Amino acid sequence: MTAATQALLEQALRLTAEERAELTEALLRADGHADPSLSAEELARVWRPELDRRRAEIERGEVQTVDARTAIEAMRDRLRSGAR
């Protein structure tokens, strides 16, 4: 992470949870990863079946969970190495 990116992250972490959510949404929209036509309630409704399916898989023991920090670090390693 560059010094500028690190400084920006530190600033973002000082925002309230609501402000961070707004910033995240704006960044995702700018990158084309969020549908700006969906409200938060519609987005929650659209994702509910997927979240329910994933929770059921965990409860049935079909998948193993991974600590978020471990998963993020693994993804960073993959991105650094160019792996997909």
PDB file of N, CA and C in Angstrom:
ATOM      1  N   MET A   1       0.864  -1.170   0.000  1.00  0.00           N
ATOM      2  CA  MET A   1       0.000   0.000   0.000  1.00  0.00           C
ATOM      3  C   MET A   1       0.905   1.226   0.000  1.00  0.00           C
ATOM      4  N   THR A   2       0.589   2.162  -0.856  1.00  0.00           N
ATOM      5  CA  THR A   2       1.397   3.381  -0.910  1.00  0.00           C
ATOM      6  C   THR A   2       1.136   4.236   0.325  1.00  0.00           C
ATOM      7  N   ALA A   3       2.024   5.187   0.562  1.00  0.00           N
ATOM      8  CA  ALA A   3       1.844   6.098   1.701  1.00  0.00           C
ATOM      9  C   ALA A   3       0.560   6.904   1.548  1.00  0.00           C
ATOM     10  N   ALA A   4       0.261   7.322   0.330  1.00  0.00           N
ATOM     11  CA  ALA A   4      -0.970   8.094   0.091  1.00  0.00           C
ATOM     12  C   ALA A   4      -2.204   7.248   0.370  1.00  0.00           C
ATOM     13  N   THR A   5      -2.168   6.003  -0.061  1.00  0.00           N
ATOM     14  CA  THR A   5      -3.298   5.104   0.184  1.00  0.00           C
ATOM     15  C   THR A   5      -3.452   4.836   1.674  1.00  0.00           C
ATOM     16  N   GLN A   6      -2.343   4.618   2.355  1.00  0.00           N
ATOM     17  CA  GLN A   6      -2.384   4.375   3.799  1.00  0.00           C
ATOM     18  C   GLN A   6      -2.960   5.579   4.525  1.00  0.00           C
ATOM     19  N   ALA A   7      -2.550   6.786   4.132  1.00  0.00           N
ATOM     20  CA  ALA A   7      -3.072   8.006   4.761  1.00  0.00           C
ATOM     21  C   ALA A   7      -4.572   8.140   4.514  1.00  0.00           C
ATOM     22  N   LEU A   8      -4.997   7.827   3.310  1.00  0.00           N
ATOM     23  CA  LEU A   8      -6.420   7.888   2.985  1.00  0.00           C
ATOM     24  C   LEU A   8      -7.205   6.872   3.807  1.00  0.00           C
ATOM     25  N   LEU A   9      -6.666   5.669   3.949  1.00  0.00           N
ATOM     26  CA  LEU A   9      -7.314   4.646   4.766  1.00  0.00           C
ATOM     27  C   LEU A   9      -7.439   5.108   6.213  1.00  0.00           C
ATOM     28  N   GLU A  10      -6.400   5.672   6.746  1.00  0.00           N
ATOM     29  CA  GLU A  10      -6.442   6.152   8.129  1.00  0.00           C
ATOM     30  C   GLU A  10      -7.508   7.227   8.305  1.00  0.00           C
ATOM     31  N   GLN A  11      -7.633   8.100   7.315  1.00  0.00           N
ATOM     32  CA  GLN A  11      -8.680   9.125   7.365  1.00  0.00           C
ATOM     33  C   GLN A  11     -10.064   8.476   7.302  1.00  0.00           C
ATOM     34  N   ALA A  12     -10.218   7.509   6.410  1.00  0.00           N
ATOM     35  CA  ALA A  12     -11.509   6.840   6.245  1.00  0.00           C
ATOM     36  C   ALA A  12     -11.918   6.112   7.520  1.00  0.00           C
ATOM     37  N   LEU A  13     -10.955   5.540   8.218  1.00  0.00           N
ATOM     38  CA  LEU A  13     -11.268   4.805   9.444  1.00  0.00           C
ATOM     39  C   LEU A  13     -11.710   5.731  10.580  1.00  0.00           C
ATOM     40  N   ARG A  14     -11.436   7.008  10.450  1.00  0.00           N
ATOM     41  CA  ARG A  14     -11.902   7.968  11.456  1.00  0.00           C
ATOM     42  C   ARG A  14     -13.339   8.424  11.193  1.00  0.00           C
ATOM     43  N   LEU A  15     -13.902   8.044  10.052  1.00  0.00           N
ATOM     44  CA  LEU A  15     -15.285   8.388   9.732  1.00  0.00           C
ATOM     45  C   LEU A  15     -16.236   7.552  10.583  1.00  0.00           C
ATOM     46  N   THR A  16     -17.473   8.021  10.690  1.00  0.00           N
ATOM     47  CA  THR A  16     -18.492   7.211  11.362  1.00  0.00           C
ATOM     48  C   THR A  16     -18.812   6.004  10.487  1.00  0.00           C
ATOM     49  N   ALA A  17     -19.476   5.022  11.049  1.00  0.00           N
ATOM     50  CA  ALA A  17     -19.861   3.839  10.282  1.00  0.00           C
ATOM     51  C   ALA A  17     -20.730   4.229   9.090  1.00  0.00           C
ATOM     52  N   GLU A  18     -21.641   5.165   9.306  1.00  0.00           N
ATOM     53  CA  GLU A  18     -22.516   5.610   8.209  1.00  0.00           C
ATOM     54  C   GLU A  18     -21.710   6.297   7.111  1.00  0.00           C
ATOM     55  N   GLU A  19     -20.755   7.130   7.497  1.00  0.00           N
ATOM     56  CA  GLU A  19     -19.920   7.813   6.506  1.00  0.00           C
ATOM     57  C   GLU A  19     -19.056   6.814   5.734  1.00  0.00           C
ATOM     58  N   ARG A  20     -18.528   5.806   6.434  1.00  0.00           N
ATOM     59  CA  ARG A  20     -17.728   4.775   5.743  1.00  0.00           C
ATOM     60  C   ARG A  20     -18.585   4.005   4.762  1.00  0.00           C
ATOM     61  N   ALA A  21     -19.826   3.709   5.139  1.00  0.00           N
ATOM     62  CA  ALA A  21     -20.733   3.006   4.234  1.00  0.00           C
ATOM     63  C   ALA A  21     -21.003   3.851   2.991  1.00  0.00           C
ATOM     64  N   GLU A  22     -21.231   5.143   3.185  1.00  0.00           N
ATOM     65  CA  GLU A  22     -21.462   6.034   2.050  1.00  0.00           C
ATOM     66  C   GLU A  22     -20.232   6.094   1.143  1.00  0.00           C
ATOM     67  N   LEU A  23     -19.052   6.180   1.743  1.00  0.00           N
ATOM     68  CA  LEU A  23     -17.817   6.222   0.975  1.00  0.00           C
ATOM     69  C   LEU A  23     -17.627   4.924   0.195  1.00  0.00           C
ATOM     70  N   THR A  24     -17.864   3.805   0.856  1.00  0.00           N
ATOM     71  CA  THR A  24     -17.728   2.507   0.195  1.00  0.00           C
ATOM     72  C   THR A  24     -18.671   2.402  -0.988  1.00  0.00           C
ATOM     73  N   GLU A  25     -19.913   2.796  -0.785  1.00  0.00           N
ATOM     74  CA  GLU A  25     -20.896   2.751  -1.865  1.00  0.00           C
ATOM     75  C   GLU A  25     -20.454   3.628  -3.031  1.00  0.00           C
ATOM     76  N   ALA A  26     -19.966   4.822  -2.736  1.00  0.00           N
ATOM     77  CA  ALA A  26     -19.512   5.730  -3.796  1.00  0.00           C
ATOM     78  C   ALA A  26     -18.332   5.140  -4.563  1.00  0.00           C
ATOM     79  N   LEU A  27     -17.388   4.519  -3.853  1.00  0.00           N
ATOM     80  CA  LEU A  27     -16.240   3.910  -4.511  1.00  0.00           C
ATOM     81  C   LEU A  27     -16.659   2.729  -5.383  1.00  0.00           C
ATOM     82  N   LEU A  28     -17.565   1.911  -4.884  1.00  0.00           N
ATOM     83  CA  LEU A  28     -18.037   0.778  -5.674  1.00  0.00           C
ATOM     84  C   LEU A  28     -18.771   1.241  -6.922  1.00  0.00           C
ATOM     85  N   ARG A  29     -19.584   2.254  -6.780  1.00  0.00           N
ATOM     86  CA  ARG A  29     -20.299   2.788  -7.946  1.00  0.00           C
ATOM     87  C   ARG A  29     -19.319   3.363  -8.955  1.00  0.00           C
ATOM     88  N   ALA A  30     -18.301   4.053  -8.478  1.00  0.00           N
ATOM     89  CA  ALA A  30     -17.313   4.652  -9.373  1.00  0.00           C
ATOM     90  C   ALA A  30     -16.570   3.577 -10.154  1.00  0.00           C
ATOM     91  N   ASP A  31     -16.415   2.418  -9.555  1.00  0.00           N
ATOM     92  CA  ASP A  31     -15.719   1.299 -10.191  1.00  0.00           C
ATOM     93  C   ASP A  31     -16.655   0.404 -10.990  1.00  0.00           C
ATOM     94  N   GLY A  32     -17.952   0.714 -10.970  1.00  0.00           N
ATOM     95  CA  GLY A  32     -18.905  -0.098 -11.706  1.00  0.00           C
ATOM     96  C   GLY A  32     -19.319  -1.372 -11.007  1.00  0.00           C
ATOM     97  N   HIS A  33     -19.093  -1.480  -9.690  1.00  0.00           N
ATOM     98  CA  HIS A  33     -19.407  -2.701  -8.957  1.00  0.00           C
ATOM     99  C   HIS A  33     -20.697  -2.638  -8.161  1.00  0.00           C
ATOM    100  N   ALA A  34     -21.405  -1.559  -8.246  1.00  0.00           N
ATOM    101  CA  ALA A  34     -22.667  -1.455  -7.518  1.00  0.00           C
ATOM    102  C   ALA A  34     -23.725  -0.890  -8.450  1.00  0.00           C
ATOM    103  N   ASP A  35     -24.930  -1.349  -8.291  1.00  0.00           N
ATOM    104  CA  ASP A  35     -26.045  -0.860  -9.105  1.00  0.00           C
ATOM    105  C   ASP A  35     -26.610   0.375  -8.421  1.00  0.00           C
ATOM    106  N   PRO A  36     -26.365   1.556  -8.990  1.00  0.00           N
ATOM    107  CA  PRO A  36     -26.827   2.783  -8.333  1.00  0.00           C
ATOM    108  C   PRO A  36     -28.340   2.907  -8.279  1.00  0.00           C
ATOM    109  N   SER A  37     -29.034   2.071  -9.020  1.00  0.00           N
ATOM    110  CA  SER A  37     -30.493   2.157  -9.016  1.00  0.00           C
ATOM    111  C   SER A  37     -31.109   1.433  -7.822  1.00  0.00           C
ATOM    112  N   LEU A  38     -30.313   0.650  -7.078  1.00  0.00           N
ATOM    113  CA  LEU A  38     -30.840  -0.103  -5.943  1.00  0.00           C
ATOM    114  C   LEU A  38     -30.658   0.675  -4.645  1.00  0.00           C
ATOM    115  N   SER A  39     -31.730   0.776  -3.884  1.00  0.00           N
ATOM    116  CA  SER A  39     -31.632   1.372  -2.557  1.00  0.00           C
ATOM    117  C   SER A  39     -31.019   0.335  -1.617  1.00  0.00           C
ATOM    118  N   ALA A  40     -30.649   0.765  -0.424  1.00  0.00           N
ATOM    119  CA  ALA A  40     -30.085  -0.166   0.557  1.00  0.00           C
ATOM    120  C   ALA A  40     -31.074  -1.284   0.869  1.00  0.00           C
ATOM    121  N   GLU A  41     -32.366  -0.935   0.962  1.00  0.00           N
ATOM    122  CA  GLU A  41     -33.386  -1.944   1.259  1.00  0.00           C
ATOM    123  C   GLU A  41     -33.523  -2.941   0.105  1.00  0.00           C
ATOM    124  N   GLU A  42     -33.486  -2.437  -1.134  1.00  0.00           N
ATOM    125  CA  GLU A  42     -33.586  -3.331  -2.292  1.00  0.00           C
ATOM    126  C   GLU A  42     -32.364  -4.228  -2.393  1.00  0.00           C
ATOM    127  N   LEU A  43     -31.210  -3.657  -2.115  1.00  0.00           N
ATOM    128  CA  LEU A  43     -29.983  -4.440  -2.148  1.00  0.00           C
ATOM    129  C   LEU A  43     -30.034  -5.560  -1.117  1.00  0.00           C
ATOM    130  N   ALA A  44     -30.504  -5.250   0.082  1.00  0.00           N
ATOM    131  CA  ALA A  44     -30.641  -6.265   1.130  1.00  0.00           C
ATOM    132  C   ALA A  44     -31.617  -7.355   0.690  1.00  0.00           C
ATOM    133  N   ARG A  45     -32.705  -6.970   0.077  1.00  0.00           N
ATOM    134  CA  ARG A  45     -33.712  -7.937  -0.396  1.00  0.00           C
ATOM    135  C   ARG A  45     -33.124  -8.843  -1.477  1.00  0.00           C
ATOM    136  N   VAL A  46     -32.370  -8.255  -2.393  1.00  0.00           N
ATOM    137  CA  VAL A  46     -31.776  -9.024  -3.487  1.00  0.00           C
ATOM    138  C   VAL A  46     -30.747 -10.023  -2.962  1.00  0.00           C
ATOM    139  N   TRP A  47     -29.961  -9.628  -1.958  1.00  0.00           N
ATOM    140  CA  TRP A  47     -28.918 -10.486  -1.423  1.00  0.00           C
ATOM    141  C   TRP A  47     -29.409 -11.494  -0.396  1.00  0.00           C
ATOM    142  N   ARG A  48     -30.604 -11.321   0.154  1.00  0.00           N
ATOM    143  CA  ARG A  48     -31.106 -12.201   1.212  1.00  0.00           C
ATOM    144  C   ARG A  48     -31.039 -13.681   0.832  1.00  0.00           C
ATOM    145  N   PRO A  49     -31.505 -14.102  -0.357  1.00  0.00           N
ATOM    146  CA  PRO A  49     -31.430 -15.540  -0.680  1.00  0.00           C
ATOM    147  C   PRO A  49     -29.999 -16.077  -0.678  1.00  0.00           C
ATOM    148  N   GLU A  50     -29.064 -15.297  -1.180  1.00  0.00           N
ATOM    149  CA  GLU A  50     -27.663 -15.732  -1.194  1.00  0.00           C
ATOM    150  C   GLU A  50     -27.118 -15.847   0.221  1.00  0.00           C
ATOM    151  N   LEU A  51     -27.420 -14.883   1.050  1.00  0.00           N
ATOM    152  CA  LEU A  51     -26.961 -14.931   2.441  1.00  0.00           C
ATOM    153  C   LEU A  51     -27.570 -16.117   3.178  1.00  0.00           C
ATOM    154  N   ASP A  52     -28.845 -16.368   2.946  1.00  0.00           N
ATOM    155  CA  ASP A  52     -29.503 -17.519   3.577  1.00  0.00           C
ATOM    156  C   ASP A  52     -28.880 -18.833   3.116  1.00  0.00           C
ATOM    157  N   ARG A  53     -28.590 -18.933   1.817  1.00  0.00           N
ATOM    158  CA  ARG A  53     -27.976 -20.148   1.265  1.00  0.00           C
ATOM    159  C   ARG A  53     -26.602 -20.380   1.900  1.00  0.00           C
ATOM    160  N   ARG A  54     -25.822 -19.330   1.993  1.00  0.00           N
ATOM    161  CA  ARG A  54     -24.477 -19.468   2.565  1.00  0.00           C
ATOM    162  C   ARG A  54     -24.531 -19.834   4.046  1.00  0.00           C
ATOM    163  N   ARG A  55     -25.455 -19.227   4.780  1.00  0.00           N
ATOM    164  CA  ARG A  55     -25.593 -19.559   6.201  1.00  0.00           C
ATOM    165  C   ARG A  55     -25.979 -21.030   6.365  1.00  0.00           C
ATOM    166  N   ALA A  56     -26.890 -21.504   5.527  1.00  0.00           N
ATOM    167  CA  ALA A  56     -27.324 -22.902   5.609  1.00  0.00           C
ATOM    168  C   ALA A  56     -26.162 -23.851   5.318  1.00  0.00           C
ATOM    169  N   GLU A  57     -25.325 -23.515   4.340  1.00  0.00           N
ATOM    170  CA  GLU A  57     -24.153 -24.350   4.041  1.00  0.00           C
ATOM    171  C   GLU A  57     -23.223 -24.445   5.246  1.00  0.00           C
ATOM    172  N   ILE A  58     -23.031 -23.325   5.923  1.00  0.00           N
ATOM    173  CA  ILE A  58     -22.174 -23.309   7.112  1.00  0.00           C
ATOM    174  C   ILE A  58     -22.795 -24.158   8.208  1.00  0.00           C
ATOM    175  N   GLU A  59     -24.085 -23.974   8.437  1.00  0.00           N
ATOM    176  CA  GLU A  59     -24.772 -24.722   9.496  1.00  0.00           C
ATOM    177  C   GLU A  59     -24.774 -26.216   9.234  1.00  0.00           C
ATOM    178  N   ARG A  60     -24.828 -26.629   7.964  1.00  0.00           N
ATOM    179  CA  ARG A  60     -24.803 -28.056   7.612  1.00  0.00           C
ATOM    180  C   ARG A  60     -23.385 -28.621   7.606  1.00  0.00           C
ATOM    181  N   GLY A  61     -22.393 -27.754   7.794  1.00  0.00           N
ATOM    182  CA  GLY A  61     -21.004 -28.202   7.799  1.00  0.00           C
ATOM    183  C   GLY A  61     -20.439 -28.452   6.419  1.00  0.00           C
ATOM    184  N   GLU A  62     -21.082 -27.919   5.386  1.00  0.00           N
ATOM    185  CA  GLU A  62     -20.636 -28.144   4.013  1.00  0.00           C
ATOM    186  C   GLU A  62     -19.450 -27.248   3.637  1.00  0.00           C
ATOM    187  N   VAL A  63     -19.299 -26.153   4.328  1.00  0.00           N
ATOM    188  CA  VAL A  63     -18.177 -25.246   4.073  1.00  0.00           C
ATOM    189  C   VAL A  63     -17.557 -24.839   5.397  1.00  0.00           C
ATOM    190  N   GLN A  64     -16.311 -24.479   5.339  1.00  0.00           N
ATOM    191  CA  GLN A  64     -15.609 -24.022   6.532  1.00  0.00           C
ATOM    192  C   GLN A  64     -15.449 -22.510   6.442  1.00  0.00           C
ATOM    193  N   THR A  65     -15.612 -21.843   7.549  1.00  0.00           N
ATOM    194  CA  THR A  65     -15.408 -20.400   7.566  1.00  0.00           C
ATOM    195  C   THR A  65     -13.930 -20.102   7.774  1.00  0.00           C
ATOM    196  N   VAL A  66     -13.550 -18.904   7.366  1.00  0.00           N
ATOM    197  CA  VAL A  66     -12.177 -18.439   7.523  1.00  0.00           C
ATOM    198  C   VAL A  66     -12.248 -17.068   8.174  1.00  0.00           C
ATOM    199  N   ASP A  67     -11.385 -16.837   9.137  1.00  0.00           N
ATOM    200  CA  ASP A  67     -11.298 -15.532   9.773  1.00  0.00           C
ATOM    201  C   ASP A  67     -11.102 -14.458   8.701  1.00  0.00           C
ATOM    202  N   ALA A  68     -11.797 -13.333   8.838  1.00  0.00           N
ATOM    203  CA  ALA A  68     -11.754 -12.274   7.830  1.00  0.00           C
ATOM    204  C   ALA A  68     -10.333 -11.796   7.566  1.00  0.00           C
ATOM    205  N   ARG A  69      -9.552 -11.592   8.614  1.00  0.00           N
ATOM    206  CA  ARG A  69      -8.175 -11.116   8.410  1.00  0.00           C
ATOM    207  C   ARG A  69      -7.350 -12.117   7.620  1.00  0.00           C
ATOM    208  N   THR A  70      -7.555 -13.392   7.900  1.00  0.00           N
ATOM    209  CA  THR A  70      -6.840 -14.437   7.173  1.00  0.00           C
ATOM    210  C   THR A  70      -7.255 -14.431   5.709  1.00  0.00           C
ATOM    211  N   ALA A  71      -8.548 -14.317   5.452  1.00  0.00           N
ATOM    212  CA  ALA A  71      -9.051 -14.308   4.077  1.00  0.00           C
ATOM    213  C   ALA A  71      -8.546 -13.094   3.306  1.00  0.00           C
ATOM    214  N   ILE A  72      -8.562 -11.937   3.940  1.00  0.00           N
ATOM    215  CA  ILE A  72      -8.100 -10.714   3.281  1.00  0.00           C
ATOM    216  C   ILE A  72      -6.614 -10.816   2.955  1.00  0.00           C
ATOM    217  N   GLU A  73      -5.830 -11.306   3.896  1.00  0.00           N
ATOM    218  CA  GLU A  73      -4.401 -11.442   3.647  1.00  0.00           C
ATOM    219  C   GLU A  73      -4.142 -12.440   2.520  1.00  0.00           C
ATOM    220  N   ALA A  74      -4.900 -13.535   2.481  1.00  0.00           N
ATOM    221  CA  ALA A  74      -4.737 -14.516   1.406  1.00  0.00           C
ATOM    222  C   ALA A  74      -5.065 -13.891   0.048  1.00  0.00           C
ATOM    223  N   MET A  75      -6.116 -13.084   0.000  1.00  0.00           N
ATOM    224  CA  MET A  75      -6.478 -12.419  -1.257  1.00  0.00           C
ATOM    225  C   MET A  75      -5.407 -11.411  -1.661  1.00  0.00           C
ATOM    226  N   ARG A  76      -4.877 -10.680  -0.702  1.00  0.00           N
ATOM    227  CA  ARG A  76      -3.796  -9.731  -1.016  1.00  0.00           C
ATOM    228  C   ARG A  76      -2.586 -10.465  -1.586  1.00  0.00           C
ATOM    229  N   ASP A  77      -2.248 -11.603  -0.990  1.00  0.00           N
ATOM    230  CA  ASP A  77      -1.124 -12.399  -1.482  1.00  0.00           C
ATOM    231  C   ASP A  77      -1.381 -12.851  -2.918  1.00  0.00           C
ATOM    232  N   ARG A  78      -2.621 -13.296  -3.182  1.00  0.00           N
ATOM    233  CA  ARG A  78      -2.962 -13.738  -4.538  1.00  0.00           C
ATOM    234  C   ARG A  78      -2.880 -12.585  -5.530  1.00  0.00           C
ATOM    235  N   LEU A  79      -3.348 -11.412  -5.132  1.00  0.00           N
ATOM    236  CA  LEU A  79      -3.291 -10.258  -6.016  1.00  0.00           C
ATOM    237  C   LEU A  79      -1.850  -9.842  -6.293  1.00  0.00           C
ATOM    238  N   ARG A  80      -1.018  -9.883  -5.257  1.00  0.00           N
ATOM    239  CA  ARG A  80       0.391  -9.526  -5.429  1.00  0.00           C
ATOM    240  C   ARG A  80       1.092 -10.477  -6.378  1.00  0.00           C
ATOM    241  N   SER A  81       0.737 -11.757  -6.296  1.00  0.00           N
ATOM    242  CA  SER A  81       1.400 -12.756  -7.120  1.00  0.00           C
ATOM    243  C   SER A  81       0.809 -12.850  -8.538  1.00  0.00           C
ATOM    244  N   GLY A  82      -0.318 -12.169  -8.750  1.00  0.00           N
ATOM    245  CA  GLY A  82      -0.957 -12.218 -10.065  1.00  0.00           C
ATOM    246  C   GLY A  82      -1.835 -13.433 -10.266  1.00  0.00           C
ATOM    247  N   ALA A  83      -2.020 -14.244  -9.226  1.00  0.00           N
ATOM    248  CA  ALA A  83      -2.875 -15.438  -9.334  1.00  0.00           C
ATOM    249  C   ALA A  83      -4.336 -15.024  -9.375  1.00  0.00           C
ATOM    250  N   ARG A  84      -5.137 -15.856  -9.977  1.00  0.00           N
ATOM    251  CA  ARG A  84      -6.582 -15.583 -10.058  1.00  0.00           C
ATOM    252  C   ARG A  84      -7.329 -16.517  -9.169  1.00  0.00           C
TER     253      ARG A  84
END
